[in-house]
Amino acid sequence: MSTSLIILSVILSFMVMILTGFLYRLKKVPMYFISYHLYLALLPTITSLIALLLMAHPIAFGPLHFDRFGLTLGAFINLIGFVVQRFSMRYLQGDLHYRAYFGFFSLATSAMSLTWLSDDLRVLLLLLGIALWSMLQLFRCSSAIKPAMFVMKRARTIFLIAWLSLLAATIMLYRSTHTWSLHQIAGKTVALTPLSITIGLLLLLPALLLAAQWPFQRWLLESAIFPTPVSALMHAGFVNLGGVLLTRFANYTHFPTVSLPLLLISLTSILIGQGIVRVAVDYKRQLLGSTIAQMGFMLVQCALGAYLAAIIHLILHGLFKAMLFLQAGSAAQHQNETIVLPSHRLERFWQVTLTIVITLLYGFADRSNAYAWLSGLILGMALGTAFTQLVLFSSKISYRFLGAGVLLVIGVLYLYVQQVMTSLLSLTLSPSLLHNNIFAIPLLALFVLVVFSLERIGKKPDSKLYLRLYLYFVATSEPSPKATQTHPHHLSQWMA
């Protein structure tokens, strides 16, 4: 199969998916046509994977540039889009705008995929604008709900600011490099000048806005009012655009004057996101807080220069978060379910032990990279928490062994996926940008200090500081009164 035929099949698969998605909006098209559209919606993922396997080197095709990085992201985003559309086939039945969803789902995922395959900055800007517009149209499908329109207008302002900031950065990039080619710009060594710092900050702003980082997290928290499939697509693929943007322009965003603000804002976002998870009473809002924290972790990796780790984190988090959102309706526990609460000392022992062991293994495995210690610390804490949930909380011995086995399989799969992603993406970034260790050790110390301090505060629920933090996180997690609806008036009006 020739290279040009592979590339052409990838482009045609996107066009076919968009065409059939909007064709379904016509009332003359029968309802069962959605099944055929879903089969065709899987084509972009299949063709992207085939191109990824058969292409030996990057290929330029007009304003597009097909490389491993872009094709991997394209396959991932479209896989998420297919799962969301398949779920929406039944979940959204009865919605007044049922037919419109699938066209905008297809357009949004296609635009997000092709954005990172474009080599022309103007095309990238256009495709990103189409992706933002498509998400707004998905929000607009809830126009019967007045609070949803308030949230949509707030999101529209955020998206517009992000797009205009990227537009200003694009113009300044062209004037400084005299080229529109993204890969030519990415391959240049950039000196630390006021112009390069300005460009880096202009690129940083849309990344923070789209990833809903502090102090811009409000629009994402209020987006819980939209249907679950829209939330799944937004949290699994859309908010990840910020990390990809920083990776594509890594030679402008790795300066300390850009990465240090990114680091501080991301750390603050992690604390706020985890605080929201602790105090939120509904499952969907807990997922929103989790997304803010996870995006913070991803941007911390970008701030440290670990762009490869950030992309791997992005992909795995997207798949996991999509699954959690689509299963939100089954989160309630059964009444006859037995939960065994282990002793606090036993739980803490396993969490601390696994954290120390994983940190040491990661740190000594790659002594030349200080980020490995931080990566091991985060992974160890996650493993310790998962161990208590899957093993210590089980009511039967057989369940505990099963939980330990599942955890072991997940760990092996994680290492395998990490190796595969490393081999796929290692050639897309400049080696000088892969490891920026200037902040790694201070960040490790700061991270441990903050976690220890919060742990101490958590043991004193009667203290004023605990109460103030609790009330702050509650207030932060609550949406604006204009973004809530105590009674679904639009349903009663429609049924009248």
Protein backbone atom coordinates (compact mmCIF):
# COMPACT_ATOMS: atom_id res chain seq x y z
CA MET A 1 0.00 0.00 0.00
CA SER A 2 1.53 3.33 -1.07
CA THR A 3 2.12 6.10 1.41
CA SER A 4 -0.11 8.57 -0.42
CA LEU A 5 -2.98 6.05 -0.38
CA ILE A 6 -2.61 5.62 3.39
CA ILE A 7 -2.72 9.35 4.00
CA LEU A 8 -5.66 9.77 1.65
CA SER A 9 -7.60 7.03 3.43
CA VAL A 10 -7.06 8.78 6.79
CA ILE A 11 -8.36 12.09 5.43
CA LEU A 12 -11.32 10.46 3.68
CA SER A 13 -12.30 8.59 6.85
CA PHE A 14 -12.61 11.91 8.69
CA MET A 15 -14.68 13.40 5.88
CA VAL A 16 -17.01 10.39 5.71
CA MET A 17 -17.61 10.46 9.48
CA ILE A 18 -18.44 14.18 9.44
CA LEU A 19 -20.66 13.82 6.36
CA THR A 20 -22.72 10.94 7.75
CA GLY A 21 -22.98 12.66 11.13
CA PHE A 22 -24.55 15.79 9.65
CA LEU A 23 -26.55 13.79 7.10
CA TYR A 24 -28.33 12.20 10.07
CA ARG A 25 -29.74 15.63 10.97
CA LEU A 26 -32.08 15.45 7.95
CA LYS A 27 -35.53 14.34 9.01
CA LYS A 28 -35.94 12.22 5.89
CA VAL A 29 -33.05 10.02 6.99
CA PRO A 30 -34.43 7.04 8.98
CA MET A 31 -33.56 6.67 12.65
CA TYR A 32 -31.76 3.35 12.14
CA PHE A 33 -29.17 5.14 9.98
CA ILE A 34 -27.33 5.98 13.21
CA SER A 35 -26.06 2.38 13.34
CA TYR A 36 -24.33 2.78 9.96
CA HIS A 37 -22.88 6.12 11.06
CA LEU A 38 -21.36 4.49 14.13
CA TYR A 39 -19.63 1.86 11.99
CA LEU A 40 -18.18 4.64 9.84
CA ALA A 41 -17.20 6.63 12.95
CA LEU A 42 -14.72 3.89 13.79
CA LEU A 43 -12.89 4.32 10.46
CA PRO A 44 -10.65 7.28 11.52
CA THR A 45 -9.30 5.25 14.45
CA ILE A 46 -8.61 2.21 12.24
CA THR A 47 -6.96 4.18 9.42
CA SER A 48 -4.85 6.19 11.89
CA LEU A 49 -3.58 3.00 13.52
CA ILE A 50 -2.80 1.46 10.11
CA ALA A 51 -0.90 4.59 9.10
CA LEU A 52 0.92 4.54 12.42
CA LEU A 53 2.07 0.96 11.82
CA LEU A 54 3.02 1.32 8.14
CA MET A 55 4.67 4.75 8.10
CA ALA A 56 8.43 4.63 8.58
CA HIS A 57 8.95 8.40 8.69
CA PRO A 58 6.85 11.61 8.83
CA ILE A 59 5.04 12.58 5.62
CA ALA A 60 4.00 16.05 4.47
CA PHE A 61 0.64 16.24 2.71
CA GLY A 62 -0.28 19.80 1.79
CA PRO A 63 -0.76 21.80 5.02
CA LEU A 64 -0.80 18.56 7.04
CA HIS A 65 2.17 16.72 8.53
CA PHE A 66 1.58 13.07 9.43
CA ASP A 67 3.91 11.89 12.18
CA ARG A 68 3.69 9.40 15.05
CA PHE A 69 2.72 12.04 17.56
CA GLY A 70 -0.24 13.36 15.56
CA LEU A 71 -1.47 9.94 14.46
CA THR A 72 -1.32 8.56 18.00
CA LEU A 73 -3.36 11.48 19.30
CA GLY A 74 -5.75 11.19 16.36
CA ALA A 75 -6.40 7.51 17.03
CA PHE A 76 -6.90 8.19 20.74
CA ILE A 77 -9.29 11.15 20.28
CA ASN A 78 -11.41 9.36 17.69
CA LEU A 79 -11.59 6.22 19.79
CA ILE A 80 -12.96 8.33 22.65
CA GLY A 81 -15.38 9.97 20.20
CA PHE A 82 -16.61 6.61 18.93
CA VAL A 83 -17.23 5.31 22.46
CA VAL A 84 -19.11 8.49 23.38
CA GLN A 85 -21.27 8.33 20.24
CA ARG A 86 -22.02 4.66 20.80
CA PHE A 87 -23.08 5.43 24.36
CA SER A 88 -25.19 8.40 23.18
CA MET A 89 -27.13 6.22 20.76
CA ARG A 90 -29.39 5.07 23.60
CA TYR A 91 -28.59 7.53 26.36
CA LEU A 92 -29.78 10.59 24.41
CA GLN A 93 -32.87 8.99 22.90
CA GLY A 94 -35.83 11.29 23.37
CA ASP A 95 -33.71 14.45 23.43
CA LEU A 96 -35.16 17.23 21.26
CA HIS A 97 -31.76 17.66 19.56
CA TYR A 98 -30.95 13.97 19.34
CA ARG A 99 -29.97 14.05 15.67
CA ALA A 100 -27.75 17.12 16.04
CA TYR A 101 -25.44 15.59 18.64
CA PHE A 102 -23.77 13.07 16.35
CA GLY A 103 -22.79 15.59 13.69
CA PHE A 104 -21.14 17.89 16.22
CA PHE A 105 -19.52 14.95 18.03
CA SER A 106 -17.95 13.90 14.72
CA LEU A 107 -16.89 17.43 13.81
CA ALA A 108 -15.37 18.10 17.24
CA THR A 109 -13.29 14.90 17.34
CA SER A 110 -12.16 15.31 13.71
CA ALA A 111 -11.10 18.92 14.26
CA MET A 112 -9.24 18.06 17.45
CA SER A 113 -7.43 15.20 15.68
CA LEU A 114 -6.49 17.16 12.56
CA THR A 115 -5.33 20.14 14.66
CA TRP A 116 -2.28 18.18 15.76
CA LEU A 117 -1.66 16.85 12.23
CA SER A 118 -1.45 20.35 10.72
CA ASP A 119 1.91 21.85 9.82
CA ASP A 120 0.60 25.31 8.94
CA LEU A 121 -0.04 27.59 11.90
CA ARG A 122 -3.01 29.15 10.11
CA VAL A 123 -4.60 25.75 9.53
CA LEU A 124 -3.93 24.78 13.15
CA LEU A 125 -5.64 27.96 14.33
CA LEU A 126 -8.61 27.33 12.03
CA LEU A 127 -9.04 23.70 13.09
CA LEU A 128 -8.77 24.56 16.78
CA GLY A 129 -11.42 27.24 16.26
CA ILE A 130 -13.69 24.65 14.64
CA ALA A 131 -13.18 22.30 17.61
CA LEU A 132 -14.07 25.09 20.05
CA TRP A 133 -17.13 26.06 18.01
CA SER A 134 -18.26 22.42 17.83
CA MET A 135 -18.12 22.09 21.61
CA LEU A 136 -20.20 25.25 21.96
CA GLN A 137 -22.79 23.78 19.58
CA LEU A 138 -22.94 20.66 21.74
CA PHE A 139 -23.59 22.93 24.71
CA ARG A 140 -26.26 24.76 22.71
CA CYS A 141 -28.17 21.49 22.25
CA SER A 142 -29.29 22.04 25.87
CA SER A 143 -30.86 25.39 24.96
CA ALA A 144 -34.15 24.40 26.62
CA ILE A 145 -32.37 24.64 30.00
CA LYS A 146 -31.82 28.28 30.91
CA PRO A 147 -28.87 27.66 33.32
CA ALA A 148 -27.15 25.65 30.58
CA MET A 149 -27.19 28.72 28.35
CA PHE A 150 -25.58 30.76 31.13
CA VAL A 151 -22.78 28.19 31.37
CA MET A 152 -22.47 28.08 27.57
CA LYS A 153 -21.97 31.87 27.43
CA ARG A 154 -19.30 31.69 30.12
CA ALA A 155 -17.52 28.88 28.26
CA ARG A 156 -17.78 30.87 25.03
CA THR A 157 -15.90 33.76 26.66
CA ILE A 158 -13.18 31.39 27.89
CA PHE A 159 -12.83 29.77 24.46
CA LEU A 160 -12.69 33.15 22.71
CA ILE A 161 -9.94 34.44 25.00
CA ALA A 162 -7.96 31.22 24.47
CA TRP A 163 -8.31 31.41 20.69
CA LEU A 164 -7.38 35.11 20.54
CA SER A 165 -4.32 34.48 22.71
CA LEU A 166 -3.23 31.70 20.35
CA LEU A 167 -3.89 34.01 17.40
CA ALA A 168 -1.60 36.67 18.89
CA ALA A 169 1.09 34.06 19.53
CA THR A 170 0.77 32.78 15.95
CA ILE A 171 1.24 36.25 14.48
CA MET A 172 4.29 36.90 16.67
CA LEU A 173 5.74 33.50 15.75
CA TYR A 174 5.47 34.28 12.05
CA ARG A 175 7.06 37.71 12.44
CA SER A 176 9.98 36.27 14.41
CA THR A 177 10.59 33.13 12.31
CA HIS A 178 9.21 34.20 8.87
CA THR A 179 7.54 30.84 8.38
CA TRP A 180 4.11 29.32 9.00
CA SER A 181 5.50 25.78 9.29
CA LEU A 182 4.97 24.40 12.78
CA HIS A 183 7.70 21.78 12.45
CA GLN A 184 10.25 24.29 11.22
CA ILE A 185 9.43 26.48 14.20
CA ALA A 186 9.55 23.53 16.61
CA GLY A 187 12.96 22.49 15.29
CA LYS A 188 14.62 25.86 15.93
CA THR A 189 16.66 26.74 18.98
CA VAL A 190 15.03 29.73 20.63
CA ALA A 191 17.02 32.28 22.60
CA LEU A 192 15.73 33.83 25.80
CA THR A 193 14.46 37.23 24.66
CA PRO A 194 11.50 39.41 25.64
CA LEU A 195 9.78 38.35 22.39
CA SER A 196 10.20 34.61 23.04
CA ILE A 197 8.99 35.04 26.64
CA THR A 198 5.92 36.93 25.42
CA ILE A 199 5.16 34.18 22.90
CA GLY A 200 5.57 31.54 25.60
CA LEU A 201 3.17 33.34 27.95
CA LEU A 202 0.63 33.78 25.14
CA LEU A 203 0.81 30.02 24.51
CA LEU A 204 0.54 29.33 28.23
CA LEU A 205 -2.75 31.23 28.64
CA PRO A 206 -4.90 29.03 26.31
CA ALA A 207 -3.37 25.91 27.87
CA LEU A 208 -4.48 27.04 31.34
CA LEU A 209 -7.91 28.16 30.13
CA LEU A 210 -8.74 24.97 28.23
CA ALA A 211 -7.39 22.73 31.02
CA ALA A 212 -9.57 24.63 33.54
CA GLN A 213 -6.68 25.43 35.84
CA TRP A 214 -6.87 27.87 38.73
CA PRO A 215 -8.25 30.54 38.64
CA PHE A 216 -10.17 29.54 35.47
CA GLN A 217 -11.76 26.32 36.78
CA ARG A 218 -15.26 27.72 37.27
CA TRP A 219 -16.49 27.07 33.72
CA LEU A 220 -15.59 23.39 33.93
CA LEU A 221 -17.26 22.91 37.33
CA GLU A 222 -20.47 24.47 36.02
CA SER A 223 -20.40 22.28 32.89
CA ALA A 224 -21.84 19.41 34.95
CA ILE A 225 -25.24 20.65 33.83
CA PHE A 226 -24.66 19.31 30.30
CA PRO A 227 -25.50 15.69 29.31
CA THR A 228 -23.07 13.00 30.42
CA PRO A 229 -21.77 12.15 26.89
CA VAL A 230 -20.83 15.80 26.33
CA SER A 231 -19.02 15.84 29.68
CA ALA A 232 -17.22 12.61 28.81
CA LEU A 233 -15.93 14.00 25.50
CA MET A 234 -14.92 17.26 27.12
CA HIS A 235 -13.04 15.70 30.03
CA ALA A 236 -11.49 12.82 28.09
CA GLY A 237 -10.30 14.76 25.04
CA PHE A 238 -11.07 18.47 25.00
CA VAL A 239 -9.38 19.62 28.23
CA ASN A 240 -6.23 17.75 27.15
CA LEU A 241 -5.66 20.26 24.36
CA GLY A 242 -3.65 22.44 26.75
CA GLY A 243 -0.99 19.80 27.37
CA VAL A 244 -0.69 19.00 23.67
CA LEU A 245 -0.34 22.71 22.85
CA LEU A 246 2.55 23.09 25.31
CA THR A 247 4.20 19.98 23.88
CA ARG A 248 3.99 21.18 20.27
CA PHE A 249 5.57 24.52 21.22
CA ALA A 250 7.95 23.14 23.83
CA ASN A 251 10.90 25.28 22.65
CA TYR A 252 8.94 28.41 23.64
CA THR A 253 7.34 27.18 26.86
CA HIS A 254 10.34 25.53 28.55
CA PHE A 255 11.89 28.84 29.69
CA PRO A 256 11.88 29.31 33.50
CA THR A 257 9.88 32.54 33.08
CA VAL A 258 7.08 30.44 31.55
CA SER A 259 7.48 27.08 33.29
CA LEU A 260 7.70 28.53 36.80
CA PRO A 261 4.26 30.25 36.65
CA LEU A 262 2.91 27.09 35.03
CA LEU A 263 4.35 25.02 37.86
CA LEU A 264 2.89 27.17 40.63
CA ILE A 265 -0.56 27.43 39.01
CA SER A 266 -0.66 23.68 38.35
CA LEU A 267 0.27 22.85 41.94
CA THR A 268 -2.47 25.15 43.19
CA SER A 269 -4.92 23.48 40.81
CA ILE A 270 -3.97 20.04 42.12
CA LEU A 271 -4.74 21.08 45.69
CA ILE A 272 -8.04 22.71 44.69
CA GLY A 273 -9.09 19.74 42.56
CA GLN A 274 -8.34 17.25 45.33
CA GLY A 275 -10.14 19.47 47.82
CA ILE A 276 -13.23 19.49 45.62
CA VAL A 277 -13.12 15.70 45.37
CA ARG A 278 -13.07 15.47 49.17
CA VAL A 279 -16.06 17.74 49.84
CA ALA A 280 -18.31 17.21 46.78
CA VAL A 281 -21.44 15.22 47.52
CA ASP A 282 -22.39 14.16 43.98
CA TYR A 283 -20.38 11.78 41.83
CA LYS A 284 -20.22 13.93 38.72
CA ARG A 285 -18.81 16.94 40.59
CA GLN A 286 -16.18 14.67 42.13
CA LEU A 287 -15.13 13.71 38.61
CA LEU A 288 -14.92 17.40 37.71
CA GLY A 289 -12.58 18.04 40.62
CA SER A 290 -10.54 14.99 39.67
CA THR A 291 -10.13 16.31 36.12
CA ILE A 292 -8.82 19.66 37.41
CA ALA A 293 -6.28 17.85 39.60
CA GLN A 294 -5.21 15.43 36.85
CA MET A 295 -4.76 18.25 34.36
CA GLY A 296 -2.65 19.95 37.01
CA PHE A 297 -0.43 16.86 37.26
CA MET A 298 -0.10 16.79 33.47
CA LEU A 299 0.91 20.46 33.31
CA VAL A 300 3.39 19.92 36.14
CA GLN A 301 5.04 17.33 33.92
CA CYS A 302 5.14 19.86 31.08
CA ALA A 303 6.63 22.48 33.41
CA LEU A 304 9.41 20.04 34.32
CA GLY A 305 10.13 19.29 30.67
CA ALA A 306 8.75 15.74 30.89
CA TYR A 307 6.54 16.19 27.82
CA LEU A 308 6.62 12.51 26.92
CA ALA A 309 5.31 11.56 30.37
CA ALA A 310 2.64 14.25 30.05
CA ILE A 311 1.35 12.82 26.75
CA ILE A 312 1.27 9.29 28.16
CA HIS A 313 -0.60 10.64 31.19
CA LEU A 314 -2.98 12.48 28.85
CA ILE A 315 -3.88 9.37 26.87
CA LEU A 316 -4.33 7.05 29.85
CA HIS A 317 -6.29 9.66 31.82
CA GLY A 318 -8.56 10.34 28.85
CA LEU A 319 -9.52 6.70 28.47
CA PHE A 320 -10.04 6.25 32.20
CA LYS A 321 -12.06 9.45 32.66
CA ALA A 322 -14.33 8.64 29.70
CA MET A 323 -15.13 5.29 31.31
CA LEU A 324 -15.89 6.95 34.66
CA PHE A 325 -18.24 9.52 33.15
CA LEU A 326 -20.12 6.99 31.06
CA GLN A 327 -20.56 4.79 34.14
CA ALA A 328 -21.63 7.69 36.38
CA GLY A 329 -25.20 6.39 36.48
CA SER A 330 -24.13 3.13 38.13
CA ALA A 331 -22.02 4.74 40.86
CA ALA A 332 -24.61 4.21 43.63
CA GLN A 333 -23.78 1.32 45.94
CA HIS A 334 -26.17 -1.55 46.40
CA GLN A 335 -27.85 -1.72 49.76
CA ASN A 336 -26.62 -5.24 50.43
CA GLU A 337 -23.03 -4.43 49.56
CA THR A 338 -20.60 -5.06 52.42
CA ILE A 339 -17.67 -2.74 52.87
CA VAL A 340 -14.90 -3.53 55.32
CA LEU A 341 -13.16 -0.47 56.70
CA PRO A 342 -9.54 -1.36 57.56
CA SER A 343 -7.80 0.18 60.53
CA HIS A 344 -6.22 3.55 59.89
CA ARG A 345 -2.76 2.24 60.85
CA LEU A 346 -2.98 -0.70 58.44
CA GLU A 347 -4.18 1.53 55.61
CA ARG A 348 -1.46 4.09 56.29
CA PHE A 349 1.22 1.38 56.53
CA TRP A 350 0.50 0.02 53.05
CA GLN A 351 0.20 3.47 51.51
CA VAL A 352 3.52 4.66 52.95
CA THR A 353 5.32 1.37 52.19
CA LEU A 354 4.23 1.22 48.56
CA THR A 355 4.99 4.92 48.07
CA ILE A 356 8.55 4.51 49.38
CA VAL A 357 9.23 1.32 47.40
CA ILE A 358 7.94 2.67 44.06
CA THR A 359 9.75 5.99 44.56
CA LEU A 360 13.06 4.24 45.21
CA LEU A 361 12.61 1.87 42.25
CA TYR A 362 11.85 4.72 39.84
CA GLY A 363 14.55 6.99 41.23
CA PHE A 364 17.40 4.47 41.10
CA ALA A 365 16.25 3.09 37.73
CA ASP A 366 16.97 6.46 36.08
CA ARG A 367 19.41 8.39 38.26
CA SER A 368 20.20 10.90 35.51
CA ASN A 369 16.62 12.18 35.51
CA ALA A 370 15.53 13.89 38.73
CA TYR A 371 11.92 13.82 37.51
CA ALA A 372 11.91 10.05 37.94
CA TRP A 373 11.83 10.53 41.73
CA LEU A 374 8.73 12.72 41.47
CA SER A 375 7.12 10.32 38.99
CA GLY A 376 7.77 7.41 41.35
CA LEU A 377 6.32 9.36 44.27
CA ILE A 378 3.08 10.15 42.43
CA LEU A 379 2.78 6.58 41.09
CA GLY A 380 3.51 5.10 44.51
CA MET A 381 0.82 7.20 46.19
CA ALA A 382 -1.67 6.21 43.51
CA LEU A 383 -0.74 2.53 43.90
CA GLY A 384 -1.10 2.74 47.67
CA THR A 385 -4.58 4.24 47.38
CA ALA A 386 -5.61 1.64 44.78
CA PHE A 387 -4.32 -1.15 47.02
CA THR A 388 -6.48 -0.02 49.94
CA GLN A 389 -9.55 0.26 47.68
CA LEU A 390 -9.15 -3.09 45.88
CA VAL A 391 -7.65 -5.23 48.63
CA LEU A 392 -8.11 -3.88 52.16
CA PHE A 393 -11.74 -2.81 51.62
CA SER A 394 -12.82 -6.24 50.37
CA SER A 395 -15.09 -8.31 52.59
CA LYS A 396 -13.80 -11.79 51.61
CA ILE A 397 -10.35 -13.32 51.30
CA SER A 398 -11.09 -14.42 47.73
CA TYR A 399 -12.02 -10.83 46.83
CA ARG A 400 -8.76 -9.60 48.31
CA PHE A 401 -6.73 -12.02 46.21
CA LEU A 402 -8.77 -11.03 43.17
CA GLY A 403 -8.16 -7.34 43.89
CA ALA A 404 -4.42 -7.93 44.27
CA GLY A 405 -4.39 -9.84 40.97
CA VAL A 406 -6.26 -7.06 39.18
CA LEU A 407 -3.83 -4.50 40.59
CA LEU A 408 -0.87 -6.58 39.41
CA VAL A 409 -2.31 -6.89 35.89
CA ILE A 410 -2.96 -3.15 35.76
CA GLY A 411 0.62 -2.48 36.84
CA VAL A 412 2.04 -4.73 34.12
CA LEU A 413 -0.24 -3.14 31.50
CA TYR A 414 0.85 0.32 32.66
CA LEU A 415 4.53 -0.52 32.17
CA TYR A 416 3.78 -2.05 28.75
CA VAL A 417 1.77 0.96 27.59
CA GLN A 418 4.49 3.27 28.85
CA GLN A 419 7.13 1.44 26.80
CA VAL A 420 4.95 1.46 23.67
CA MET A 421 4.14 5.16 24.00
CA THR A 422 7.80 5.96 24.62
CA SER A 423 8.83 4.20 21.41
CA LEU A 424 6.06 5.94 19.45
CA LEU A 425 6.62 9.46 20.71
CA SER A 426 10.33 9.63 21.55
CA LEU A 427 11.25 10.93 18.09
CA THR A 428 8.88 13.88 18.11
CA LEU A 429 10.60 16.08 20.71
CA SER A 430 14.00 17.67 20.80
CA PRO A 431 16.29 15.74 23.18
CA SER A 432 17.31 19.01 24.86
CA LEU A 433 13.71 19.57 25.99
CA LEU A 434 12.94 16.12 27.33
CA HIS A 435 14.40 16.61 30.80
CA ASN A 436 14.24 19.98 32.50
CA ASN A 437 15.30 19.14 36.05
CA ILE A 438 15.81 22.64 37.43
CA PHE A 439 12.64 22.50 39.54
CA ALA A 440 12.37 18.75 40.13
CA ILE A 441 14.06 18.44 43.54
CA PRO A 442 12.51 21.61 45.07
CA LEU A 443 9.12 20.47 43.75
CA LEU A 444 9.59 17.05 45.33
CA ALA A 445 10.33 18.64 48.70
CA LEU A 446 7.42 21.09 48.37
CA PHE A 447 5.03 18.32 47.36
CA VAL A 448 5.94 16.18 50.38
CA LEU A 449 5.68 19.20 52.71
CA VAL A 450 2.22 20.18 51.44
CA VAL A 451 0.88 16.62 51.64
CA PHE A 452 2.25 16.22 55.14
CA SER A 453 0.75 19.54 56.24
CA LEU A 454 -2.68 18.70 54.84
CA GLU A 455 -2.51 15.30 56.51
CA ARG A 456 -1.87 16.96 59.84
CA ILE A 457 -4.71 19.43 59.33
CA GLY A 458 -7.07 16.59 58.38
CA LYS A 459 -6.51 14.96 61.77
CA LYS A 460 -7.89 18.04 63.54
CA PRO A 461 -11.44 18.52 62.19
CA ASP A 462 -12.27 20.82 65.12
CA SER A 463 -9.60 23.36 64.27
CA LYS A 464 -10.43 26.70 62.65
CA LEU A 465 -7.98 26.06 59.80
CA TYR A 466 -9.71 22.77 58.93
CA LEU A 467 -13.09 24.48 58.97
CA ARG A 468 -11.89 27.33 56.78
CA LEU A 469 -10.36 24.96 54.24
CA TYR A 470 -13.51 22.85 54.19
CA LEU A 471 -15.75 25.86 53.61
CA TYR A 472 -13.40 27.20 50.95
CA PHE A 473 -13.48 23.94 48.97
CA VAL A 474 -17.25 23.72 49.34
CA ALA A 475 -17.65 27.26 48.03
CA THR A 476 -15.22 26.56 45.20
CA SER A 477 -17.05 23.41 44.12
CA GLU A 478 -20.48 25.04 44.11
CA PRO A 479 -21.64 26.51 40.78
CA SER A 480 -23.09 29.98 40.37
CA PRO A 481 -26.81 30.21 41.27
CA LYS A 482 -27.47 31.14 37.63
CA ALA A 483 -25.90 27.83 36.55
CA THR A 484 -28.23 25.64 38.64
CA GLN A 485 -31.85 24.63 38.36
CA THR A 486 -33.79 23.28 41.32
CA HIS A 487 -36.56 21.87 39.14
CA PRO A 488 -36.45 20.80 35.46
CA HIS A 489 -38.98 23.39 34.31
CA HIS A 490 -38.21 22.71 30.67
CA LEU A 491 -39.59 19.17 31.06
CA SER A 492 -42.83 20.32 32.64
CA GLN A 493 -43.28 22.91 29.88
CA TRP A 494 -42.63 20.30 27.19
CA MET A 495 -45.12 17.84 28.77
CA ALA A 496 -47.85 20.52 29.16
